[in-house]
PDB file of N, CA and C in Angstrom:
ATOM      1  N   MET A   1     -32.222-122.277   9.703  1.00  0.00           N
ATOM      2  CA  MET A   1     -32.518-122.048   8.357  1.00  0.00           C
ATOM      3  C   MET A   1     -33.865-122.004   8.410  1.00  0.00           C
ATOM      4  N   GLN A   2     -33.989-123.591   8.492  1.00  0.00           N
ATOM      5  CA  GLN A   2     -35.442-124.303   8.194  1.00  0.00           C
ATOM      6  C   GLN A   2     -36.359-123.116   8.716  1.00  0.00           C
ATOM      7  N   ILE A   3     -36.393-122.330  10.018  1.00  0.00           N
ATOM      8  CA  ILE A   3     -37.331-121.640  10.350  1.00  0.00           C
ATOM      9  C   ILE A   3     -37.769-120.569   9.577  1.00  0.00           C
ATOM     10  N   LEU A   4     -36.528-119.788   9.386  1.00  0.00           N
ATOM     11  CA  LEU A   4     -36.388-118.441   8.256  1.00  0.00           C
ATOM     12  C   LEU A   4     -37.068-118.731   6.696  1.00  0.00           C
ATOM     13  N   ASN A   5     -36.979-120.351   6.682  1.00  0.00           N
ATOM     14  CA  ASN A   5     -37.794-120.645   5.486  1.00  0.00           C
ATOM     15  C   ASN A   5     -39.095-120.470   5.769  1.00  0.00           C
ATOM     16  N   THR A   6     -39.457-121.211   6.427  1.00  0.00           N
ATOM     17  CA  THR A   6     -40.529-121.317   7.147  1.00  0.00           C
ATOM     18  C   THR A   6     -41.504-119.778   7.120  1.00  0.00           C
ATOM     19  N   LEU A   7     -40.691-118.613   7.821  1.00  0.00           N
ATOM     20  CA  LEU A   7     -41.178-117.532   8.167  1.00  0.00           C
ATOM     21  C   LEU A   7     -41.448-116.716   7.152  1.00  0.00           C
ATOM     22  N   THR A   8     -40.842-116.987   5.674  1.00  0.00           N
ATOM     23  CA  THR A   8     -40.593-116.628   4.711  1.00  0.00           C
ATOM     24  C   THR A   8     -41.950-116.848   3.565  1.00  0.00           C
ATOM     25  N   VAL A   9     -42.257-118.061   3.924  1.00  0.00           N
ATOM     26  CA  VAL A   9     -43.352-118.760   3.165  1.00  0.00           C
ATOM     27  C   VAL A   9     -44.838-118.310   3.837  1.00  0.00           C
ATOM     28  N   LEU A  10     -44.655-118.083   5.290  1.00  0.00           N
ATOM     29  CA  LEU A  10     -45.490-117.657   5.814  1.00  0.00           C
ATOM     30  C   LEU A  10     -46.105-115.824   5.651  1.00  0.00           C
ATOM     31  N   ALA A  11     -44.842-115.150   5.385  1.00  0.00           N
ATOM     32  CA  ALA A  11     -44.940-113.821   5.047  1.00  0.00           C
ATOM     33  C   ALA A  11     -45.775-113.974   3.310  1.00  0.00           C
ATOM     34  N   LEU A  12     -45.091-114.626   3.098  1.00  0.00           N
ATOM     35  CA  LEU A  12     -45.757-114.859   1.175  1.00  0.00           C
ATOM     36  C   LEU A  12     -47.044-115.152   1.371  1.00  0.00           C
ATOM     37  N   VAL A  13     -47.554-116.286   2.140  1.00  0.00           N
ATOM     38  CA  VAL A  13     -48.983-116.405   2.085  1.00  0.00           C
ATOM     39  C   VAL A  13     -50.033-115.725   2.636  1.00  0.00           C
ATOM     40  N   VAL A  14     -49.282-114.804   3.683  1.00  0.00           N
ATOM     41  CA  VAL A  14     -50.430-113.534   4.164  1.00  0.00           C
ATOM     42  C   VAL A  14     -50.240-112.297   3.446  1.00  0.00           C
ATOM     43  N   LEU A  15     -49.291-111.875   2.876  1.00  0.00           N
ATOM     44  CA  LEU A  15     -49.397-111.018   1.593  1.00  0.00           C
ATOM     45  C   LEU A  15     -50.110-111.332   0.275  1.00  0.00           C
ATOM     46  N   SER A  16     -50.087-112.880   0.192  1.00  0.00           N
ATOM     47  CA  SER A  16     -51.050-113.002  -0.907  1.00  0.00           C
ATOM     48  C   SER A  16     -52.413-113.190  -0.578  1.00  0.00           C
ATOM     49  N   PHE A  17     -52.593-113.283   0.746  1.00  0.00           N
ATOM     50  CA  PHE A  17     -54.369-113.125   1.138  1.00  0.00           C
ATOM     51  C   PHE A  17     -54.559-111.495   1.479  1.00  0.00           C
ATOM     52  N   ALA A  18     -53.554-110.716   1.637  1.00  0.00           N
ATOM     53  CA  ALA A  18     -53.802-109.414   1.710  1.00  0.00           C
ATOM     54  C   ALA A  18     -54.103-108.705   0.229  1.00  0.00           C
ATOM     55  N   LEU A  19     -53.376-109.614  -0.455  1.00  0.00           N
ATOM     56  CA  LEU A  19     -53.468-108.924  -2.226  1.00  0.00           C
ATOM     57  C   LEU A  19     -55.021-109.092  -2.288  1.00  0.00           C
ATOM     58  N   ILE A  20     -55.217-110.357  -2.358  1.00  0.00           N
ATOM     59  CA  ILE A  20     -56.491-110.786  -3.022  1.00  0.00           C
ATOM     60  C   ILE A  20     -57.250-110.155  -2.670  1.00  0.00           C
ATOM     61  N   VAL A  21     -57.691-109.624  -1.468  1.00  0.00           N
ATOM     62  CA  VAL A  21     -58.376-109.053  -0.831  1.00  0.00           C
ATOM     63  C   VAL A  21     -58.610-107.209  -1.181  1.00  0.00           C
ATOM     64  N   ALA A  22     -57.110-106.837  -1.145  1.00  0.00           N
ATOM     65  CA  ALA A  22     -56.882-105.327  -1.395  1.00  0.00           C
ATOM     66  C   ALA A  22     -57.133-105.055  -2.722  1.00  0.00           C
ATOM     67  N   VAL A  23     -56.483-105.474  -3.756  1.00  0.00           N
ATOM     68  CA  VAL A  23     -56.420-105.153  -5.126  1.00  0.00           C
ATOM     69  C   VAL A  23     -58.088-104.896  -5.456  1.00  0.00           C
ATOM     70  N   PRO A  24     -58.949-105.768  -5.568  1.00  0.00           N
ATOM     71  CA  PRO A  24     -60.325-105.038  -5.991  1.00  0.00           C
ATOM     72  C   PRO A  24     -60.737-104.374  -5.050  1.00  0.00           C
ATOM     73  N   VAL A  25     -60.574-104.290  -3.754  1.00  0.00           N
ATOM     74  CA  VAL A  25     -61.163-103.034  -3.029  1.00  0.00           C
ATOM     75  C   VAL A  25     -60.426-101.509  -3.659  1.00  0.00           C
ATOM     76  N   LEU A  26     -59.122-101.597  -3.352  1.00  0.00           N
ATOM     77  CA  LEU A  26     -58.560-100.543  -4.168  1.00  0.00           C
ATOM     78  C   LEU A  26     -59.044-100.107  -5.622  1.00  0.00           C
ATOM     79  N   TYR A  27     -59.146-101.169  -6.746  1.00  0.00           N
ATOM     80  CA  TYR A  27     -59.681-100.825  -7.748  1.00  0.00           C
ATOM     81  C   TYR A  27     -61.277-100.393  -7.714  1.00  0.00           C
ATOM     82  N   ALA A  28     -62.470-100.851  -6.983  1.00  0.00           N
ATOM     83  CA  ALA A  28     -63.799-100.647  -6.957  1.00  0.00           C
ATOM     84  C   ALA A  28     -63.520 -99.192  -5.931  1.00  0.00           C
ATOM     85  N   SER A  29     -62.365 -98.475  -5.347  1.00  0.00           N
ATOM     86  CA  SER A  29     -62.745 -97.209  -4.665  1.00  0.00           C
ATOM     87  C   SER A  29     -62.655 -96.426  -5.734  1.00  0.00           C
ATOM     88  N   SER A  30     -63.444 -95.256  -5.327  1.00  0.00           N
ATOM     89  CA  SER A  30     -63.572 -94.213  -6.273  1.00  0.00           C
ATOM     90  C   SER A  30     -63.182 -92.979  -5.926  1.00  0.00           C
ATOM     91  N   GLU A  31     -61.801 -93.112  -4.352  1.00  0.00           N
ATOM     92  CA  GLU A  31     -61.128 -92.127  -4.129  1.00  0.00           C
ATOM     93  C   GLU A  31     -60.061 -92.156  -4.942  1.00  0.00           C
ATOM     94  N   ASP A  32     -59.037 -91.603  -4.482  1.00  0.00           N
ATOM     95  CA  ASP A  32     -57.629 -91.271  -5.000  1.00  0.00           C
ATOM     96  C   ASP A  32     -57.214 -92.585  -5.725  1.00  0.00           C
ATOM     97  N   SER A  33     -57.037 -92.460  -6.753  1.00  0.00           N
ATOM     98  CA  SER A  33     -56.661 -93.723  -7.962  1.00  0.00           C
ATOM     99  C   SER A  33     -55.075 -93.680  -7.933  1.00  0.00           C
ATOM    100  N   GLY A  34     -54.538 -92.428  -7.987  1.00  0.00           N
ATOM    101  CA  GLY A  34     -52.793 -92.588  -7.797  1.00  0.00           C
ATOM    102  C   GLY A  34     -52.593 -93.814  -6.827  1.00  0.00           C
ATOM    103  N   ARG A  35     -53.310 -92.981  -5.250  1.00  0.00           N
ATOM    104  CA  ARG A  35     -52.506 -93.603  -4.284  1.00  0.00           C
ATOM    105  C   ARG A  35     -52.834 -94.746  -4.272  1.00  0.00           C
ATOM    106  N   SER A  36     -54.107 -95.317  -4.345  1.00  0.00           N
ATOM    107  CA  SER A  36     -54.518 -96.961  -4.959  1.00  0.00           C
ATOM    108  C   SER A  36     -53.448 -97.641  -5.919  1.00  0.00           C
ATOM    109  N   ASN A  37     -53.172 -96.820  -7.312  1.00  0.00           N
ATOM    110  CA  ASN A  37     -52.047 -97.306  -7.888  1.00  0.00           C
ATOM    111  C   ASN A  37     -50.844 -97.934  -7.288  1.00  0.00           C
ATOM    112  N   ARG A  38     -50.545 -96.700  -6.679  1.00  0.00           N
ATOM    113  CA  ARG A  38     -49.251 -96.688  -5.742  1.00  0.00           C
ATOM    114  C   ARG A  38     -49.414 -98.059  -4.771  1.00  0.00           C
ATOM    115  N   LEU A  39     -50.061 -98.032  -4.209  1.00  0.00           N
ATOM    116  CA  LEU A  39     -50.460 -99.546  -3.173  1.00  0.00           C
ATOM    117  C   LEU A  39     -50.439-100.814  -3.582  1.00  0.00           C
ATOM    118  N   ILE A  40     -50.995-100.939  -4.843  1.00  0.00           N
ATOM    119  CA  ILE A  40     -50.923-102.026  -5.563  1.00  0.00           C
ATOM    120  C   ILE A  40     -49.796-102.681  -6.354  1.00  0.00           C
ATOM    121  N   LEU A  41     -48.784-101.303  -7.122  1.00  0.00           N
ATOM    122  CA  LEU A  41     -47.571-101.693  -7.088  1.00  0.00           C
ATOM    123  C   LEU A  41     -46.800-101.833  -6.004  1.00  0.00           C
ATOM    124  N   LEU A  42     -46.760-101.446  -4.846  1.00  0.00           N
ATOM    125  CA  LEU A  42     -45.626-101.476  -3.588  1.00  0.00           C
ATOM    126  C   LEU A  42     -45.825-102.938  -3.576  1.00  0.00           C
ATOM    127  N   GLY A  43     -47.523-103.219  -2.914  1.00  0.00           N
ATOM    128  CA  GLY A  43     -48.309-104.502  -3.095  1.00  0.00           C
ATOM    129  C   GLY A  43     -47.388-105.980  -3.663  1.00  0.00           C
ATOM    130  N   GLY A  44     -47.178-105.424  -5.476  1.00  0.00           N
ATOM    131  CA  GLY A  44     -46.691-106.335  -5.880  1.00  0.00           C
ATOM    132  C   GLY A  44     -45.299-106.605  -6.032  1.00  0.00           C
ATOM    133  N   ILE A  45     -44.825-105.600  -5.689  1.00  0.00           N
ATOM    134  CA  ILE A  45     -43.217-105.588  -5.628  1.00  0.00           C
ATOM    135  C   ILE A  45     -42.704-106.498  -4.589  1.00  0.00           C
ATOM    136  N   ALA A  46     -43.603-105.697  -3.337  1.00  0.00           N
ATOM    137  CA  ALA A  46     -43.481-106.712  -2.241  1.00  0.00           C
ATOM    138  C   ALA A  46     -43.292-108.541  -2.322  1.00  0.00           C
ATOM    139  N   TRP A  47     -44.437-108.639  -2.937  1.00  0.00           N
ATOM    140  CA  TRP A  47     -44.826-110.110  -3.345  1.00  0.00           C
ATOM    141  C   TRP A  47     -43.648-110.740  -4.237  1.00  0.00           C
ATOM    142  N   VAL A  48     -43.357-110.275  -5.298  1.00  0.00           N
ATOM    143  CA  VAL A  48     -41.931-110.560  -5.953  1.00  0.00           C
ATOM    144  C   VAL A  48     -40.859-110.749  -5.190  1.00  0.00           C
ATOM    145  N   ALA A  49     -40.443-109.719  -4.476  1.00  0.00           N
ATOM    146  CA  ALA A  49     -39.345-109.777  -3.435  1.00  0.00           C
ATOM    147  C   ALA A  49     -39.541-111.100  -2.945  1.00  0.00           C
ATOM    148  N   LEU A  50     -41.034-111.417  -1.998  1.00  0.00           N
ATOM    149  CA  LEU A  50     -40.862-112.504  -1.458  1.00  0.00           C
ATOM    150  C   LEU A  50     -40.055-113.582  -2.006  1.00  0.00           C
ATOM    151  N   VAL A  51     -41.163-113.706  -3.051  1.00  0.00           N
ATOM    152  CA  VAL A  51     -41.025-115.142  -3.949  1.00  0.00           C
ATOM    153  C   VAL A  51     -39.563-115.525  -4.141  1.00  0.00           C
ATOM    154  N   LEU A  52     -39.089-114.422  -4.274  1.00  0.00           N
ATOM    155  CA  LEU A  52     -37.361-114.789  -4.698  1.00  0.00           C
ATOM    156  C   LEU A  52     -36.770-114.968  -3.318  1.00  0.00           C
ATOM    157  N   VAL A  53     -36.821-114.154  -2.677  1.00  0.00           N
ATOM    158  CA  VAL A  53     -36.198-114.337  -1.004  1.00  0.00           C
ATOM    159  C   VAL A  53     -36.562-115.974  -0.911  1.00  0.00           C
ATOM    160  N   ASN A  54     -38.051-116.596  -0.954  1.00  0.00           N
ATOM    161  CA  ASN A  54     -38.112-117.700  -0.563  1.00  0.00           C
ATOM    162  C   ASN A  54     -37.199-118.641  -1.571  1.00  0.00           C
ATOM    163  N   TRP A  55     -37.131-118.317  -2.874  1.00  0.00           N
ATOM    164  CA  TRP A  55     -36.630-119.065  -3.485  1.00  0.00           C
ATOM    165  C   TRP A  55     -34.824-119.198  -3.193  1.00  0.00           C
ATOM    166  N   GLY A  56     -34.488-118.194  -2.980  1.00  0.00           N
ATOM    167  CA  GLY A  56     -33.037-118.144  -2.167  1.00  0.00           C
ATOM    168  C   GLY A  56     -32.858-118.914  -0.926  1.00  0.00           C
ATOM    169  N   MET A  57     -33.798-118.866  -0.133  1.00  0.00           N
ATOM    170  CA  MET A  57     -33.743-119.473   1.117  1.00  0.00           C
ATOM    171  C   MET A  57     -34.013-120.701   0.982  1.00  0.00           C
ATOM    172  N   SER A  58     -34.633-121.244  -0.271  1.00  0.00           N
ATOM    173  CA  SER A  58     -34.703-122.872  -0.258  1.00  0.00           C
ATOM    174  C   SER A  58     -33.917-123.771  -0.906  1.00  0.00           C
ATOM    175  N   LEU A  59     -32.863-122.781  -1.612  1.00  0.00           N
ATOM    176  CA  LEU A  59     -31.256-123.026  -1.917  1.00  0.00           C
ATOM    177  C   LEU A  59     -30.652-123.597  -0.466  1.00  0.00           C
ATOM    178  N   PHE A  60     -30.886-122.897   0.435  1.00  0.00           N
ATOM    179  CA  PHE A  60     -29.928-123.112   1.824  1.00  0.00           C
ATOM    180  C   PHE A  60     -30.468-124.649   2.518  1.00  0.00           C
ATOM    181  N   VAL A  61     -31.790-124.396   2.383  1.00  0.00           N
ATOM    182  CA  VAL A  61     -32.762-125.188   3.581  1.00  0.00           C
ATOM    183  C   VAL A  61     -32.196-127.064   2.757  1.00  0.00           C
ATOM    184  N   VAL A  62     -32.476-127.099   1.812  1.00  0.00           N
ATOM    185  CA  VAL A  62     -31.864-128.499   0.913  1.00  0.00           C
ATOM    186  C   VAL A  62     -30.743-129.286   1.084  1.00  0.00           C
TER     187      VAL A  62
END
């Protein structure tokens, strides 16, 4: 279980860094803003889901 918890933390860190780079780039691009907004929304939803999964995993590791 501890390995799964470590993997969820790693996924959360990687997604956080990806969003730190992607969000300003997508907002600055003048291309299809609807597509950019969908990508940002999906990234945010995935981030919240990973936070909740990580919280759930931490209950089993302790």
